[in-house]
Amino acid sequence: MKRSISGSRNSAGIEGRIGYIFQDRSLIERALTRLAYTLEMG
C-alpha cells in the first residue's frame, strides 16, 4: 500500500479499490493499523 508524505495510508485509494466509502475514517485507520501490526508480527 502506498503511503502519503505524512506516512498514513491513502484511505481514499483503498476505499476506491474495495468499492466502499467509510463514514467513520477511524474505522479504516484502525483496520489498517491492525493489519500492518499482524503482518509485521507474523
Protein backbone atom coordinates (compact mmCIF):
# COMPACT_ATOMS: atom_id res chain seq x y z
CA MET A 1 0.00 0.00 0.00
CA LYS A 2 1.21 3.48 -0.78
CA ARG A 3 1.84 6.00 1.96
CA SER A 4 1.33 9.73 1.77
CA ILE A 5 4.00 12.23 2.78
CA SER A 6 2.60 12.22 6.32
CA GLY A 7 3.12 8.45 6.49
CA SER A 8 -0.54 7.47 6.59
CA ARG A 9 -2.04 5.16 4.05
CA ASN A 10 -4.20 6.58 1.29
CA SER A 11 -7.60 5.56 2.64
CA ALA A 12 -9.46 7.13 -0.30
CA GLY A 13 -7.48 4.93 -2.69
CA ILE A 14 -8.25 1.86 -0.63
CA GLU A 15 -11.92 2.78 -0.48
CA GLY A 16 -11.95 3.06 -4.26
CA ARG A 17 -10.36 -0.35 -4.65
CA ILE A 18 -12.84 -2.08 -2.35
CA GLY A 19 -15.86 -0.06 -3.50
CA TYR A 20 -16.87 1.15 -0.05
CA ILE A 21 -16.68 4.63 1.50
CA PHE A 22 -16.20 4.75 5.26
CA GLN A 23 -18.23 7.43 7.03
CA ASP A 24 -16.09 6.96 10.13
CA ARG A 25 -12.45 7.29 8.99
CA SER A 26 -11.20 5.95 12.32
CA LEU A 27 -12.54 2.52 11.37
CA ILE A 28 -10.40 2.19 8.26
CA GLU A 29 -7.33 3.56 10.07
CA ARG A 30 -7.85 1.06 12.87
CA ALA A 31 -8.28 -1.83 10.45
CA LEU A 32 -5.15 -0.90 8.51
CA THR A 33 -3.12 -0.42 11.67
CA ARG A 34 -4.14 -3.84 12.99
CA LEU A 35 -3.40 -5.48 9.64
CA ALA A 36 0.05 -3.92 9.49
CA TYR A 37 0.81 -5.00 13.04
CA THR A 38 -0.35 -8.55 12.34
CA LEU A 39 1.74 -8.78 9.20
CA GLU A 40 4.83 -7.44 10.97
CA MET A 41 4.49 -9.73 13.97
CA GLY A 42 3.69 -12.70 11.72
